Amino acid sequence: MGLELIPADPTLGSYERAFELVDLQRQFLNSAVVAAFVVPLTVLTGSWAGFAMTLLRRRARSIVVGLSLIVLMIPLSALWVPRVVMFRQIDVLDSYIPLVAPALTGTNPFYVLLFY
């Protein structure tokens, strides 16, 4: 017998088994709590930053927009290692703080530019 692309007798029993093996309800609750904080916080900080960019003088505004475009080119994976090291240093790695903290910066420069 080998690897089957489509099983001979497909069932939904795997989903029942997944809930037995892993506490999926708790993981869903954790995700919902984080999303409940992160989404409004991202919208708030991103909109504030975009509005602040509109208040800048033309030259300063073009520099900030250019810097935002440059920051957009940085791969997100390059930012995770320094974040993990920083959160480990301040001993908050096993809390909600590392998940919510990026929302304080608008999460992504694209969102700030979108509001701008």
C-alpha atoms as a PDB file:
ATOM      1  CA  MET A   1       0.000   0.000   0.000  1.00  0.00           C
ATOM      2  CA  GLY A   2       1.264   3.486  -0.757  1.00  0.00           C
ATOM      3  CA  LEU A   3       0.273   7.073  -0.379  1.00  0.00           C
ATOM      4  CA  GLU A   4      -3.313   7.621  -1.501  1.00  0.00           C
ATOM      5  CA  LEU A   5      -4.395  10.928  -2.948  1.00  0.00           C
ATOM      6  CA  ILE A   6      -8.057  10.155  -2.317  1.00  0.00           C
ATOM      7  CA  PRO A   7      -8.828   7.593   0.412  1.00  0.00           C
ATOM      8  CA  ALA A   8     -11.010   4.613  -0.474  1.00  0.00           C
ATOM      9  CA  ASP A   9     -13.505   5.337   2.347  1.00  0.00           C
ATOM     10  CA  PRO A  10     -13.459   9.080   3.103  1.00  0.00           C
ATOM     11  CA  THR A  11     -15.020  10.058   6.454  1.00  0.00           C
ATOM     12  CA  LEU A  12     -15.177  13.040   8.774  1.00  0.00           C
ATOM     13  CA  GLY A  13     -13.840  10.940  11.657  1.00  0.00           C
ATOM     14  CA  SER A  14     -10.459  12.650  11.450  1.00  0.00           C
ATOM     15  CA  TYR A  15     -12.000  15.886  12.692  1.00  0.00           C
ATOM     16  CA  GLU A  16     -13.443  14.141  15.751  1.00  0.00           C
ATOM     17  CA  ARG A  17     -10.055  12.576  16.408  1.00  0.00           C
ATOM     18  CA  ALA A  18      -8.309  15.954  16.049  1.00  0.00           C
ATOM     19  CA  PHE A  19     -10.472  17.395  18.849  1.00  0.00           C
ATOM     20  CA  GLU A  20      -9.539  14.402  21.026  1.00  0.00           C
ATOM     21  CA  LEU A  21      -5.800  14.790  20.425  1.00  0.00           C
ATOM     22  CA  VAL A  22      -5.478  18.576  20.656  1.00  0.00           C
ATOM     23  CA  ASP A  23      -7.399  21.174  22.658  1.00  0.00           C
ATOM     24  CA  LEU A  24      -8.734  22.933  19.562  1.00  0.00           C
ATOM     25  CA  GLN A  25     -11.423  24.802  21.488  1.00  0.00           C
ATOM     26  CA  ARG A  26      -8.754  26.532  23.587  1.00  0.00           C
ATOM     27  CA  GLN A  27      -6.688  27.335  20.491  1.00  0.00           C
ATOM     28  CA  PHE A  28      -9.769  28.803  18.793  1.00  0.00           C
ATOM     29  CA  LEU A  29     -10.506  30.906  21.883  1.00  0.00           C
ATOM     30  CA  ASN A  30      -6.896  32.163  21.984  1.00  0.00           C
ATOM     31  CA  SER A  31      -7.075  33.129  18.301  1.00  0.00           C
ATOM     32  CA  ALA A  32     -10.392  34.911  18.793  1.00  0.00           C
ATOM     33  CA  VAL A  33      -9.065  36.877  21.792  1.00  0.00           C
ATOM     34  CA  VAL A  34      -5.933  37.946  19.917  1.00  0.00           C
ATOM     35  CA  ALA A  35      -7.933  38.925  16.823  1.00  0.00           C
ATOM     36  CA  ALA A  36     -10.392  40.905  18.970  1.00  0.00           C
ATOM     37  CA  PHE A  37      -7.516  43.075  20.205  1.00  0.00           C
ATOM     38  CA  VAL A  38      -5.229  43.139  17.175  1.00  0.00           C
ATOM     39  CA  VAL A  39      -7.694  44.081  14.444  1.00  0.00           C
ATOM     40  CA  PRO A  40      -9.101  47.237  16.094  1.00  0.00           C
ATOM     41  CA  LEU A  41      -5.647  48.234  17.336  1.00  0.00           C
ATOM     42  CA  THR A  42      -4.181  47.844  13.846  1.00  0.00           C
ATOM     43  CA  VAL A  43      -6.975  49.911  12.307  1.00  0.00           C
ATOM     44  CA  LEU A  44      -6.549  52.599  14.954  1.00  0.00           C
ATOM     45  CA  THR A  45      -2.753  52.930  14.747  1.00  0.00           C
ATOM     46  CA  GLY A  46      -2.655  52.530  10.967  1.00  0.00           C
ATOM     47  CA  SER A  47      -5.285  55.216  10.465  1.00  0.00           C
ATOM     48  CA  TRP A  48      -3.542  57.573  12.884  1.00  0.00           C
ATOM     49  CA  ALA A  49      -0.218  57.093  11.116  1.00  0.00           C
ATOM     50  CA  GLY A  50      -1.840  57.601   7.698  1.00  0.00           C
ATOM     51  CA  PHE A  51      -3.555  60.750   8.917  1.00  0.00           C
ATOM     52  CA  ALA A  52      -0.298  62.021  10.427  1.00  0.00           C
ATOM     53  CA  MET A  53       1.368  61.536   7.049  1.00  0.00           C
ATOM     54  CA  THR A  54      -1.229  63.781   5.425  1.00  0.00           C
ATOM     55  CA  LEU A  55      -0.355  66.542   7.890  1.00  0.00           C
ATOM     56  CA  LEU A  56       3.337  66.544   6.964  1.00  0.00           C
ATOM     57  CA  ARG A  57       4.844  69.040   4.566  1.00  0.00           C
ATOM     58  CA  ARG A  58       5.241  67.850   0.992  1.00  0.00           C
ATOM     59  CA  ARG A  59       8.984  67.081   1.251  1.00  0.00           C
ATOM     60  CA  ALA A  60       8.715  65.267   4.601  1.00  0.00           C
ATOM     61  CA  ARG A  61       5.653  63.381   3.358  1.00  0.00           C
ATOM     62  CA  SER A  62       7.473  62.136   0.248  1.00  0.00           C
ATOM     63  CA  ILE A  63      10.409  60.991   2.397  1.00  0.00           C
ATOM     64  CA  VAL A  64       8.104  59.106   4.789  1.00  0.00           C
ATOM     65  CA  VAL A  65       6.198  57.491   1.916  1.00  0.00           C
ATOM     66  CA  GLY A  66       9.514  56.474   0.337  1.00  0.00           C
ATOM     67  CA  LEU A  67      10.719  54.987   3.626  1.00  0.00           C
ATOM     68  CA  SER A  68       7.444  53.099   3.979  1.00  0.00           C
ATOM     69  CA  LEU A  69       7.885  51.629   0.499  1.00  0.00           C
ATOM     70  CA  ILE A  70      11.443  50.595   1.363  1.00  0.00           C
ATOM     71  CA  VAL A  71      10.274  48.960   4.596  1.00  0.00           C
ATOM     72  CA  LEU A  72       7.620  47.076   2.603  1.00  0.00           C
ATOM     73  CA  MET A  73      10.428  45.361   0.684  1.00  0.00           C
ATOM     74  CA  ILE A  74      11.851  43.785   3.863  1.00  0.00           C
ATOM     75  CA  PRO A  75      10.660  40.182   4.126  1.00  0.00           C
ATOM     76  CA  LEU A  76       8.505  39.598   7.191  1.00  0.00           C
ATOM     77  CA  SER A  77      10.536  36.517   8.079  1.00  0.00           C
ATOM     78  CA  ALA A  78      13.583  38.766   8.564  1.00  0.00           C
ATOM     79  CA  LEU A  79      11.694  40.645  11.280  1.00  0.00           C
ATOM     80  CA  TRP A  80      10.535  37.639  13.288  1.00  0.00           C
ATOM     81  CA  VAL A  81      13.938  36.531  14.599  1.00  0.00           C
ATOM     82  CA  PRO A  82      14.806  39.899  16.193  1.00  0.00           C
ATOM     83  CA  ARG A  83      11.282  40.106  17.642  1.00  0.00           C
ATOM     84  CA  VAL A  84      11.527  36.653  19.190  1.00  0.00           C
ATOM     85  CA  VAL A  85      14.935  37.479  20.673  1.00  0.00           C
ATOM     86  CA  MET A  86      13.622  40.775  22.063  1.00  0.00           C
ATOM     87  CA  PHE A  87      10.518  39.203  23.596  1.00  0.00           C
ATOM     88  CA  ARG A  88      12.609  36.387  25.077  1.00  0.00           C
ATOM     89  CA  GLN A  89      14.948  38.963  26.652  1.00  0.00           C
ATOM     90  CA  ILE A  90      12.062  40.695  28.428  1.00  0.00           C
ATOM     91  CA  ASP A  91      10.535  37.285  29.317  1.00  0.00           C
ATOM     92  CA  VAL A  92       7.111  37.724  27.695  1.00  0.00           C
ATOM     93  CA  LEU A  93       7.472  35.086  24.977  1.00  0.00           C
ATOM     94  CA  ASP A  94       4.717  32.880  26.446  1.00  0.00           C
ATOM     95  CA  SER A  95       2.074  35.615  26.642  1.00  0.00           C
ATOM     96  CA  TYR A  96      -0.198  37.543  24.296  1.00  0.00           C
ATOM     97  CA  ILE A  97       2.232  40.474  24.143  1.00  0.00           C
ATOM     98  CA  PRO A  98       4.285  39.207  21.140  1.00  0.00           C
ATOM     99  CA  LEU A  99       1.056  38.690  19.206  1.00  0.00           C
ATOM    100  CA  VAL A 100      -0.469  42.070  20.012  1.00  0.00           C
ATOM    101  CA  ALA A 101       2.686  44.237  19.933  1.00  0.00           C
ATOM    102  CA  PRO A 102       2.996  44.459  16.101  1.00  0.00           C
ATOM    103  CA  ALA A 103      -0.491  46.002  16.004  1.00  0.00           C
ATOM    104  CA  LEU A 104       0.910  49.012  17.863  1.00  0.00           C
ATOM    105  CA  THR A 105       2.944  49.840  14.761  1.00  0.00           C
ATOM    106  CA  GLY A 106       0.073  49.319  12.317  1.00  0.00           C
ATOM    107  CA  THR A 107       1.186  45.681  11.751  1.00  0.00           C
ATOM    108  CA  ASN A 108       2.355  46.371   8.203  1.00  0.00           C
ATOM    109  CA  PRO A 109       3.514  49.545   6.416  1.00  0.00           C
ATOM    110  CA  PHE A 110       1.027  48.754   3.654  1.00  0.00           C
ATOM    111  CA  TYR A 111      -1.879  49.435   6.012  1.00  0.00           C
ATOM    112  CA  VAL A 112      -0.428  52.842   6.887  1.00  0.00           C
ATOM    113  CA  LEU A 113      -0.028  53.656   3.182  1.00  0.00           C
ATOM    114  CA  LEU A 114      -3.547  52.424   2.543  1.00  0.00           C
ATOM    115  CA  PHE A 115      -4.938  54.875   5.086  1.00  0.00           C
ATOM    116  CA  TYR A 116      -2.682  57.624   3.732  1.00  0.00           C
END
